[in-house]
Protein backbone atom coordinates (compact mmCIF):
# COMPACT_ATOMS: atom_id res chain seq x y z
CA MET A 1 120.62 -1.98 -18.51
CA ALA A 2 118.37 -5.06 -18.64
CA ASP A 3 119.49 -6.12 -15.15
CA GLN A 4 118.70 -2.67 -13.80
CA LYS A 5 115.24 -2.73 -15.43
CA ASN A 6 114.49 -6.15 -13.95
CA ARG A 7 115.63 -4.98 -10.52
CA VAL A 8 113.32 -1.96 -10.64
CA GLU A 9 110.40 -4.11 -11.81
CA ASN A 10 110.99 -6.62 -9.02
CA GLU A 11 111.24 -3.87 -6.41
CA ASN A 12 107.95 -2.41 -7.60
CA SER A 13 106.15 -5.76 -7.61
CA ILE A 14 103.37 -6.19 -5.07
CA ASN A 15 104.56 -9.77 -4.61
CA ASN A 16 108.01 -8.65 -3.51
CA PRO A 17 108.26 -8.38 0.31
CA GLY A 18 110.89 -5.69 -0.13
CA PHE A 19 108.29 -3.32 -1.53
CA TRP A 20 106.29 -3.50 1.68
CA ASP A 21 109.44 -3.44 3.86
CA ARG A 22 110.42 -0.11 2.35
CA PHE A 23 106.84 1.07 2.62
CA SER A 24 105.85 -0.02 6.11
CA TYR A 25 107.51 2.57 8.35
CA SER A 26 106.93 6.12 7.15
CA GLY A 27 104.35 4.85 4.66
CA LEU A 28 101.84 4.19 7.43
CA PHE A 29 102.38 7.71 8.72
CA PHE A 30 101.71 9.20 5.30
CA ILE A 31 98.57 7.08 4.87
CA GLY A 32 97.27 8.00 8.31
CA SER A 33 97.94 11.70 7.76
CA LEU A 34 96.02 11.67 4.47
CA PHE A 35 93.06 9.97 6.12
CA PHE A 36 92.89 12.43 9.01
CA LEU A 37 93.52 15.40 6.71
CA VAL A 38 90.35 14.57 4.79
CA ILE A 39 88.31 13.71 7.89
CA ILE A 40 89.24 16.93 9.70
CA LEU A 41 88.54 19.06 6.63
CA TYR A 42 85.20 17.51 5.68
CA SER A 43 83.72 16.37 9.02
CA GLN A 44 81.57 19.51 9.27
CA THR A 45 79.60 18.36 6.21
CA ALA A 46 77.91 15.70 8.37
CA GLY A 47 75.60 18.54 9.40
CA TYR A 48 74.75 19.49 5.81
CA ASP A 49 71.40 18.72 4.17
CA PHE A 50 70.39 17.21 0.85
CA VAL A 51 70.27 19.79 -1.94
CA ASN A 52 67.59 20.05 -4.63
CA TRP A 53 70.03 19.22 -7.42
CA ASP A 54 69.71 15.52 -8.29
CA ASP A 55 69.62 14.49 -4.60
CA PRO A 56 65.82 14.01 -4.71
CA TRP A 57 66.14 11.75 -7.77
CA TYR A 58 69.14 9.78 -6.56
CA VAL A 59 68.12 9.41 -2.90
CA VAL A 60 65.20 11.24 -1.31
CA ASN A 61 62.46 10.24 -3.78
CA ASN A 62 64.19 7.23 -5.31
CA SER A 63 62.28 4.03 -4.52
CA LEU A 64 65.23 1.98 -5.77
CA VAL A 65 67.30 2.82 -2.68
CA LYS A 66 64.58 1.91 -0.18
CA SER A 67 64.10 -1.83 -0.62
CA TRP A 68 66.21 -5.00 -0.81
CA HIS A 69 63.43 -6.89 -2.59
CA PRO A 70 64.86 -9.03 -5.48
CA GLU A 71 62.73 -7.15 -8.03
CA ASN A 72 64.11 -3.86 -6.76
CA LEU A 73 67.69 -5.15 -6.93
CA TYR A 74 67.02 -6.16 -10.54
CA LYS A 75 65.84 -2.62 -11.31
CA ILE A 76 68.97 -1.19 -9.70
CA GLY A 77 71.02 -3.28 -12.10
CA THR A 78 69.05 -2.34 -15.20
CA GLU A 79 67.47 1.11 -14.88
CA ILE A 80 68.93 4.50 -15.84
CA VAL A 81 68.71 7.14 -13.09
CA THR A 82 69.08 10.86 -13.86
CA ARG A 83 70.76 10.33 -17.25
CA ASN A 84 73.28 7.84 -15.86
CA TYR A 85 73.57 4.08 -15.82
CA ALA A 86 75.40 3.61 -12.52
CA PRO A 87 74.06 0.53 -10.67
CA VAL A 88 76.98 0.34 -8.23
CA THR A 89 76.36 3.95 -7.20
CA ILE A 90 72.63 3.36 -6.74
CA PHE A 91 73.41 0.22 -4.73
CA SER A 92 75.66 2.30 -2.45
CA TYR A 93 72.70 4.59 -1.75
CA LEU A 94 70.63 1.51 -0.90
CA VAL A 95 73.25 0.50 1.66
CA ASP A 96 73.34 4.04 3.05
CA HIS A 97 69.55 4.19 3.29
CA SER A 98 69.54 0.87 5.18
CA VAL A 99 71.95 2.36 7.74
CA TRP A 100 71.01 6.04 7.87
CA GLY A 101 67.49 6.25 6.51
CA LEU A 102 67.09 9.78 5.15
CA TRP A 103 69.58 11.41 7.52
CA PRO A 104 71.80 13.31 5.04
CA GLY A 105 74.78 13.32 7.41
CA GLY A 106 75.29 9.60 6.87
CA TYR A 107 75.50 10.03 3.10
CA HIS A 108 77.99 12.87 3.54
CA LEU A 109 80.05 10.65 5.85
CA THR A 110 80.21 7.93 3.19
CA ASN A 111 81.28 10.49 0.61
CA TYR A 112 84.20 11.93 2.52
CA LEU A 113 85.36 8.48 3.65
CA LEU A 114 85.48 7.47 -0.02
CA HIS A 115 87.46 10.64 -0.75
CA ALA A 116 89.95 9.71 1.98
CA VAL A 117 90.31 6.21 0.52
CA ASN A 118 90.97 7.73 -2.91
CA ALA A 119 93.69 10.00 -1.52
CA ILE A 120 95.39 6.94 -0.01
CA LEU A 121 95.10 5.01 -3.28
CA ILE A 122 96.70 7.93 -5.13
CA TYR A 123 99.60 7.88 -2.67
CA LEU A 124 100.07 4.12 -3.14
CA LEU A 125 99.89 4.40 -6.93
CA LEU A 126 102.43 7.20 -7.17
CA TYR A 127 104.75 5.57 -4.64
CA ARG A 128 104.66 2.38 -6.68
CA LEU A 129 105.45 4.32 -9.86
CA THR A 130 108.14 6.65 -8.47
CA GLY A 131 109.46 5.25 -5.19
CA SER A 132 109.22 8.72 -3.63
CA LYS A 133 107.13 8.75 -0.47
CA PHE A 134 107.05 12.46 0.26
CA SER A 135 106.37 13.59 -3.31
CA SER A 136 103.65 10.95 -3.67
CA TRP A 137 102.13 12.14 -0.39
CA ALA A 138 102.37 15.75 -1.55
CA VAL A 139 100.34 15.04 -4.71
CA ALA A 140 97.72 13.11 -2.75
CA ALA A 141 97.51 15.77 -0.01
CA ILE A 142 97.12 18.72 -2.38
CA TRP A 143 94.54 16.77 -4.37
CA ALA A 144 92.66 15.77 -1.19
CA VAL A 145 92.19 19.34 0.05
CA HIS A 146 91.84 21.18 -3.26
CA PRO A 147 88.61 23.20 -3.54
CA VAL A 148 87.89 21.99 -7.08
CA ASN A 149 87.11 18.57 -5.56
CA LEU A 150 84.71 20.02 -3.01
CA GLU A 151 81.68 19.49 -5.27
CA SER A 152 82.54 15.81 -5.76
CA VAL A 153 82.79 15.24 -2.01
CA VAL A 154 80.04 17.43 -0.53
CA TRP A 155 77.38 16.89 -3.17
CA ILE A 156 75.70 13.59 -2.28
CA SER A 157 74.69 13.01 -5.91
CA ALA A 158 78.36 13.19 -6.97
CA ARG A 159 78.92 9.83 -5.23
CA LYS A 160 79.38 8.18 -8.63
CA GLY A 161 82.65 10.05 -9.19
CA LEU A 162 84.00 9.03 -5.79
CA LEU A 163 83.12 5.36 -6.27
CA SER A 164 84.35 5.22 -9.84
CA GLY A 165 87.58 6.93 -8.76
CA ALA A 166 88.15 4.39 -6.00
CA PHE A 167 87.75 1.41 -8.33
CA ILE A 168 89.81 3.06 -11.09
CA LEU A 169 92.67 3.74 -8.69
CA ALA A 170 92.46 0.20 -7.30
CA ALA A 171 92.67 -1.19 -10.84
CA LEU A 172 95.57 1.09 -11.77
CA ASN A 173 97.49 0.03 -8.66
CA LEU A 174 97.40 -3.48 -10.11
CA TRP A 175 97.80 -2.63 -13.80
CA VAL A 176 101.05 -0.72 -13.27
CA ILE A 177 102.71 -3.84 -11.84
CA PRO A 178 105.17 -4.82 -14.60
CA LYS A 179 104.78 -8.58 -14.28
CA ARG A 180 101.22 -9.19 -13.18
CA THR A 181 99.88 -12.59 -12.27
CA SER A 182 96.62 -13.77 -13.81
CA LYS A 183 94.99 -13.28 -10.41
CA GLN A 184 96.11 -9.65 -10.28
CA GLU A 185 94.87 -9.09 -13.84
CA GLY A 186 91.54 -10.63 -12.89
CA TRP A 187 91.17 -8.35 -9.87
CA ALA A 188 92.11 -5.33 -12.00
CA ILE A 189 89.39 -6.19 -14.55
CA LEU A 190 86.85 -6.66 -11.74
CA PHE A 191 87.73 -3.28 -10.21
CA PHE A 192 87.49 -1.72 -13.66
CA ALA A 193 84.03 -3.24 -14.21
CA LEU A 194 82.87 -1.81 -10.88
CA ALA A 195 84.28 1.57 -11.92
CA LEU A 196 82.32 1.45 -15.18
CA PHE A 197 79.12 0.62 -13.31
CA SER A 198 79.77 3.55 -10.95
CA LYS A 199 80.37 6.26 -13.56
CA ALA A 200 80.95 6.24 -17.30
CA ILE A 201 84.17 8.30 -17.14
CA ALA A 202 85.99 5.01 -16.54
CA VAL A 203 85.65 4.20 -20.27
CA VAL A 204 88.95 5.99 -20.97
CA ILE A 205 91.05 3.98 -18.51
CA PRO A 206 92.05 1.26 -21.03
CA ALA A 207 93.54 4.00 -23.23
CA ILE A 208 95.58 5.29 -20.28
CA ILE A 209 96.96 1.88 -19.34
CA ILE A 210 97.68 0.98 -22.99
CA LEU A 211 99.63 4.24 -23.30
CA TYR A 212 101.44 3.38 -20.05
CA GLU A 213 102.61 0.05 -21.41
CA VAL A 214 103.74 1.62 -24.69
CA GLN A 215 105.31 4.75 -23.21
CA ILE A 216 106.84 3.34 -20.02
CA HIS A 217 107.46 -0.33 -20.78
CA LYS A 218 108.08 0.14 -24.53
CA GLU A 219 105.51 -2.45 -25.57
CA LYS A 220 104.32 -2.52 -29.16
CA TRP A 221 100.93 -0.92 -29.70
CA SER A 222 99.48 -4.14 -31.06
CA LYS A 223 100.54 -6.15 -28.02
CA ALA A 224 99.40 -3.49 -25.55
CA ILE A 225 95.97 -3.20 -27.18
CA ALA A 226 95.57 -6.98 -27.44
CA GLY A 227 96.25 -7.26 -23.71
CA LYS A 228 93.34 -4.93 -22.94
CA ILE A 229 90.69 -6.35 -25.30
CA ILE A 230 88.29 -7.19 -22.46
CA PRO A 231 88.41 -3.75 -20.78
CA CYS A 232 88.13 -2.05 -24.20
CA PHE A 233 85.03 -4.09 -25.07
CA MET A 234 83.49 -3.31 -21.68
CA SER A 235 84.16 0.40 -22.23
CA ILE A 236 82.49 0.42 -25.64
CA MET A 237 79.37 -1.28 -24.31
CA LEU A 238 79.07 1.11 -21.36
CA LEU A 239 79.69 4.10 -23.65
CA LEU A 240 76.77 3.08 -25.87
CA ILE A 241 74.46 2.78 -22.86
CA THR A 242 75.57 6.18 -21.57
CA MET A 243 75.07 7.89 -24.92
CA MET A 244 71.53 6.55 -25.02
CA ALA A 245 70.87 7.80 -21.49
CA GLN A 246 72.15 11.31 -22.23
CA ASN A 247 70.02 11.58 -25.36
CA THR A 248 66.80 10.29 -23.86
CA GLN A 249 66.70 12.19 -20.57
CA LEU A 250 67.24 15.94 -20.56
CA GLY A 251 68.29 18.38 -17.89
CA GLY A 252 70.94 20.96 -17.04
CA ILE A 253 72.07 23.26 -19.88
CA ARG A 254 71.38 22.27 -23.49
CA GLU A 255 72.23 25.34 -25.60
CA HIS A 256 75.39 23.67 -26.88
CA TYR A 257 73.46 20.67 -28.25
CA GLU A 258 73.05 22.57 -31.52
CA PHE A 259 76.75 23.37 -31.89
CA SER A 260 78.87 21.61 -34.49
CA LYS A 261 81.64 19.31 -33.31
CA LEU A 262 84.19 21.82 -34.60
CA LYS A 263 82.69 24.59 -32.49
CA ILE A 264 82.59 22.29 -29.46
CA LEU A 265 86.29 21.51 -29.94
CA ALA A 266 87.06 25.22 -30.21
CA ILE A 267 85.20 25.93 -26.96
CA ASP A 268 86.89 22.92 -25.33
CA SER A 269 90.34 24.28 -26.20
CA VAL A 270 89.58 27.39 -24.12
CA ILE A 271 87.91 25.46 -21.30
CA ILE A 272 90.97 23.21 -20.88
CA TRP A 273 93.10 26.26 -20.08
CA GLU A 274 90.39 27.58 -17.78
CA TYR A 275 90.60 24.27 -15.94
CA VAL A 276 94.37 24.67 -15.62
CA GLN A 277 93.91 28.17 -14.20
CA MET A 278 91.19 26.88 -11.86
CA LEU A 279 93.52 24.20 -10.50
CA LEU A 280 96.42 26.56 -9.91
CA PHE A 281 94.50 29.64 -8.78
CA PRO A 282 90.95 28.67 -7.81
CA GLY A 283 88.69 31.69 -7.67
CA GLU A 284 84.95 31.78 -7.10
CA LEU A 285 83.80 28.21 -7.68
CA SER A 286 80.25 27.39 -8.71
CA VAL A 287 78.00 24.39 -9.19
CA MET A 288 77.21 25.79 -12.65
CA TYR A 289 79.38 27.74 -15.06
CA ASP A 290 78.44 29.85 -18.06
CA PRO A 291 81.51 29.79 -20.33
CA GLU A 292 81.55 32.09 -23.33
CA THR A 293 80.58 30.36 -26.58
CA THR A 294 80.58 33.35 -28.94
CA GLY A 295 83.10 36.07 -29.65
CA ILE A 296 86.01 33.93 -28.49
CA THR A 297 87.94 33.56 -31.74
CA GLY A 298 91.08 35.15 -30.31
CA ALA A 299 90.96 32.99 -27.19
CA VAL A 300 90.48 29.88 -29.32
CA ILE A 301 93.49 30.69 -31.51
CA VAL A 302 95.73 31.28 -28.49
CA SER A 303 94.45 28.13 -26.75
CA VAL A 304 94.94 25.92 -29.81
CA LEU A 305 98.46 27.27 -30.37
CA ALA A 306 99.29 26.67 -26.69
CA LEU A 307 97.95 23.12 -26.85
CA GLY A 308 99.93 22.54 -30.03
CA LEU A 309 103.11 23.79 -28.35
CA VAL A 310 102.53 21.47 -25.39
CA GLY A 311 101.90 18.55 -27.72
CA TYR A 312 105.02 19.25 -29.76
CA THR A 313 107.16 19.61 -26.63
CA LEU A 314 105.85 16.33 -25.23
CA TYR A 315 106.56 14.56 -28.50
CA ARG A 316 110.16 15.79 -28.52
CA LEU A 317 110.68 14.87 -24.85
CA ARG A 318 108.68 11.62 -24.82
CA HIS A 319 111.76 9.41 -24.44
CA LYS A 320 113.66 11.51 -21.92
CA TYR A 321 110.63 12.30 -19.75
CA SER A 322 108.41 9.31 -20.33
CA TYR A 323 106.45 9.52 -17.08
CA MET A 324 105.73 13.24 -17.52
CA THR A 325 104.52 12.60 -21.07
CA TRP A 326 102.25 9.80 -19.88
CA ALA A 327 100.86 11.96 -17.07
CA VAL A 328 100.04 14.93 -19.33
CA CYS A 329 98.43 12.63 -21.88
CA SER A 330 96.42 11.00 -19.06
CA PHE A 331 95.17 14.44 -18.00
CA ILE A 332 93.84 15.06 -21.52
CA ILE A 333 92.42 11.54 -21.90
CA LEU A 334 90.53 11.84 -18.61
CA LEU A 335 88.94 15.05 -19.88
CA VAL A 336 87.73 13.49 -23.14
CA PRO A 337 84.43 12.03 -21.78
CA ILE A 338 83.31 15.44 -20.51
CA LEU A 339 84.30 17.59 -23.51
CA ASN A 340 80.84 17.16 -25.10
CA LEU A 341 82.08 15.20 -28.09
CA PHE A 342 79.09 13.11 -27.07
CA PRO A 343 76.47 15.59 -25.81
CA ILE A 344 76.15 15.99 -22.04
CA THR A 345 74.12 18.62 -20.29
CA THR A 346 76.89 20.96 -19.14
CA LEU A 347 80.01 22.37 -20.78
CA MET A 348 82.05 22.86 -17.62
CA ASN A 349 81.93 21.62 -14.02
CA ASP A 350 84.22 21.34 -10.99
CA ARG A 351 83.50 17.63 -10.63
CA TYR A 352 84.91 16.98 -14.10
CA LEU A 353 88.38 17.58 -12.64
CA TYR A 354 88.17 14.99 -9.87
CA LEU A 355 90.32 12.42 -11.71
CA PRO A 356 92.15 14.65 -14.25
CA SER A 357 93.60 16.71 -11.41
CA ILE A 358 95.60 13.67 -10.22
CA PRO A 359 98.07 13.56 -13.15
CA PHE A 360 98.01 17.38 -13.23
CA TRP A 361 99.33 17.64 -9.68
CA ALA A 362 101.74 14.76 -10.25
CA VAL A 363 103.35 16.74 -13.08
CA ILE A 364 103.46 19.93 -10.97
CA VAL A 365 104.91 18.34 -7.81
CA PHE A 366 107.42 16.00 -9.44
CA GLY A 367 108.34 18.70 -11.99
CA MET A 368 109.03 21.16 -9.17
CA ARG A 369 111.07 18.52 -7.37
CA TYR A 370 113.18 17.91 -10.48
CA ILE A 371 113.74 21.64 -11.11
CA LEU A 372 114.77 22.37 -7.51
CA LYS A 373 117.14 19.39 -7.44
CA PHE A 374 118.71 20.65 -10.66
CA MET A 375 119.01 24.21 -9.35
CA PHE A 376 120.57 23.15 -6.03
CA GLN A 377 122.67 20.18 -7.11
CA LYS A 378 125.36 21.10 -4.60
CA SER A 379 122.90 21.77 -1.79
CA PRO A 380 120.41 18.87 -1.67
CA ALA A 381 119.28 19.91 1.82
CA VAL A 382 118.18 23.29 0.45
CA SER A 383 116.32 21.58 -2.38
CA ARG A 384 114.48 19.25 0.00
CA GLY A 385 113.67 22.12 2.34
CA LEU A 386 112.19 24.25 -0.42
CA ILE A 387 110.06 21.33 -1.64
CA VAL A 388 108.70 20.71 1.87
CA VAL A 389 107.91 24.41 2.39
CA ALA A 390 106.22 24.71 -1.01
CA VAL A 391 104.09 21.61 -0.45
CA PHE A 392 102.89 22.63 2.99
CA PHE A 393 102.15 26.13 1.75
CA ALA A 394 100.08 24.67 -1.09
CA VAL A 395 98.18 22.31 1.23
CA ASP A 396 97.41 25.15 3.64
CA PHE A 397 96.41 27.53 0.83
CA TYR A 398 94.06 25.11 -0.93
CA GLN A 399 92.44 23.76 2.23
CA GLY A 400 91.75 27.35 3.25
CA LYS A 401 89.96 27.92 -0.06
CA THR A 402 87.96 24.73 0.46
CA GLN A 403 86.97 25.71 3.99
CA LYS A 404 85.78 29.11 2.75
CA HIS A 405 83.63 27.70 -0.04
CA MET A 406 82.27 24.66 1.80
CA PRO A 407 79.27 26.36 3.52
CA VAL A 408 77.78 27.07 0.07
CA TRP A 409 76.76 23.40 0.01
CA LYS A 410 75.02 23.44 3.40
CA ASN A 411 71.53 23.28 1.87
CA GLY A 412 69.59 24.12 -1.27
CA LEU A 413 69.03 27.76 -0.37
CA SER A 414 72.71 28.47 0.32
CA LEU A 415 73.71 26.62 -2.88
CA TRP A 416 71.42 28.43 -5.30
CA THR A 417 71.69 31.83 -3.61
CA ALA A 418 75.45 31.66 -4.11
CA THR A 419 75.17 30.22 -7.62
CA ILE A 420 72.80 32.90 -8.95
CA LYS A 421 75.36 35.54 -7.92
CA GLN A 422 77.95 33.73 -10.06
CA VAL A 423 75.79 32.97 -13.12
CA PRO A 424 72.65 35.13 -12.88
CA ASP A 425 71.65 34.63 -16.53
CA LEU A 426 71.36 30.85 -16.53
CA PRO A 427 67.66 29.84 -16.58
CA VAL A 428 68.37 26.51 -14.88
CA VAL A 429 69.83 28.32 -11.87
CA GLN A 430 66.86 30.67 -11.68
CA ILE A 431 64.48 27.70 -11.83
CA GLN A 432 66.37 25.87 -9.08
CA LEU A 433 66.32 28.91 -6.82
CA ALA A 434 62.57 29.23 -7.41
CA ASN A 435 62.16 25.54 -6.57
CA THR A 436 64.03 26.15 -3.32
CA TYR A 437 61.79 29.00 -2.23
CA HIS A 438 58.71 26.97 -3.18
CA SER A 439 59.91 24.08 -1.00
CA LEU A 440 60.28 26.57 1.87
CA GLY A 441 56.68 27.75 1.42
CA GLN A 442 57.72 31.13 -0.02
CA ASP A 443 55.62 30.87 -3.20
CA ARG A 444 55.41 34.62 -3.75
CA LYS A 445 59.18 34.88 -4.00
CA ALA A 446 59.36 31.71 -6.11
CA LEU A 447 56.77 33.05 -8.57
CA SER A 448 58.59 36.37 -8.80
CA ILE A 449 61.76 34.55 -9.91
CA LEU A 450 59.84 32.49 -12.50
CA HIS A 451 58.20 35.64 -13.91
CA ARG A 452 61.68 37.02 -14.62
CA THR A 453 62.86 33.68 -15.97
CA ILE A 454 60.01 33.21 -18.45
CA ASN A 455 61.22 36.24 -20.42
CA SER A 456 64.78 34.95 -20.78
CA GLU A 457 65.95 34.54 -24.37
CA ARG A 458 68.06 31.58 -23.24
CA LEU A 459 65.05 29.58 -22.08
CA ASP A 460 64.51 26.71 -24.54
CA GLU A 461 61.09 25.30 -25.34
CA ALA A 462 61.31 22.38 -22.90
CA ASP A 463 62.27 24.61 -19.97
CA ARG A 464 59.74 27.28 -20.98
CA LYS A 465 56.98 24.68 -20.80
CA ARG A 466 58.30 23.50 -17.44
CA VAL A 467 58.33 27.04 -16.04
CA GLN A 468 54.78 27.70 -17.26
CA GLU A 469 53.54 24.52 -15.61
CA LYS A 470 55.21 25.47 -12.33
CA MET A 471 53.73 28.96 -12.43
CA ARG A 472 50.21 27.63 -12.98
CA ALA A 473 50.56 25.04 -10.21
CA TRP A 474 52.12 27.42 -7.68
CA LYS A 475 49.57 30.17 -8.40
CA ALA A 476 46.78 27.68 -7.79
CA VAL A 477 48.33 26.67 -4.49
CA ARG A 478 48.82 30.30 -3.46
CA ILE A 479 45.22 31.26 -4.33
CA SER A 480 43.95 28.21 -2.45
CA SER A 481 45.96 29.14 0.65
CA LEU A 482 44.57 32.69 0.63
CA LYS A 483 40.93 31.54 0.68
């Protein structure tokens, strides 16, 4: 048994030439196909515009991305932008601005190239963990074309998730090597630091890799935790900075700020299952959601019981299906930063699933592969054929959904016109649509929307004051233009 374990570890080592020998032939085909799959799907977004949802603050009106002066570089490294401390992300916009100026197509190009890189890194990670090229490709391909990731790719301001994902995946590709060298560990920590400085969701990665070493390599908890002291410390420091940023700069939806932690957890239990449904059967996606927060006692009870059943099943099967257990736990851990245990300005978003959907699809694809192999033990060709058909059907189905929804992100007007049909009662959506019409010079229409918005019971005091100020300013402009 020990000899077999050592053989597997050596085969999976990045230092072992055999790993790359097995990889080099069809592996290059799979990598190339993932790259072109993303490019073909998303190339049309090069003609899309900035949208008036964080893009002005991150790029268009952000002086930080328009100068390489040392003082400006210092500010990039120290200032909070739009409730986030993400200096690597802001620096990437500086690079883009140096190349593209304010041509939005260049920023979109950078985004979908990063998404292609992430798909490739997912393939490499899963191949290293499982040794299965096609199944690893299948997970990466479905993830790459899935409509729930559209927001992360097409929205220029979602760059932080793409960058953080790239550095997280690069670090994980090194951290899953059983016998890492100090150089590999150093590179992994560097990639992790860059991930933290791209987006705060990276704070949970030490927990995932600690669980990996305990669950997969049977390390003791104390040893696994001790080996990740530096990443854990870095995560705590970044978490404190992020909490301060979220509490000092407001935006988005804030109704849930007054909820108790118990109520937040109850709502989260329902949202988790909504995320699962969204991944399997994506319906009408939206940049903003308005999940129910009252009258959901029955849904909460069912959701909690279902989560409890999943947890119990995983605990019973943790030894027999160690990788599946680790993957499901990773899905939950990756959701923790966006479950509003520390207040953030939205309860639910598509972009929150960018990383959690990776272990989700790994469980689905490899689980399906295991079930079909078990069902057709005497006919392995049938099993393989069914897997191939199912994967290509899924890729075609999800990319079709993505293609259909993509034009929503073409510009601010298309985005908010579509969004207000989905969530007509959200004041923030009404305000953004009014802002869009104002920017187009249609102040009469913009004021009409604000007049309806000002009477909304869901408008908090901060937004009410903001709407009143806009109405006064836009009325003055309209009267002046009529003289």
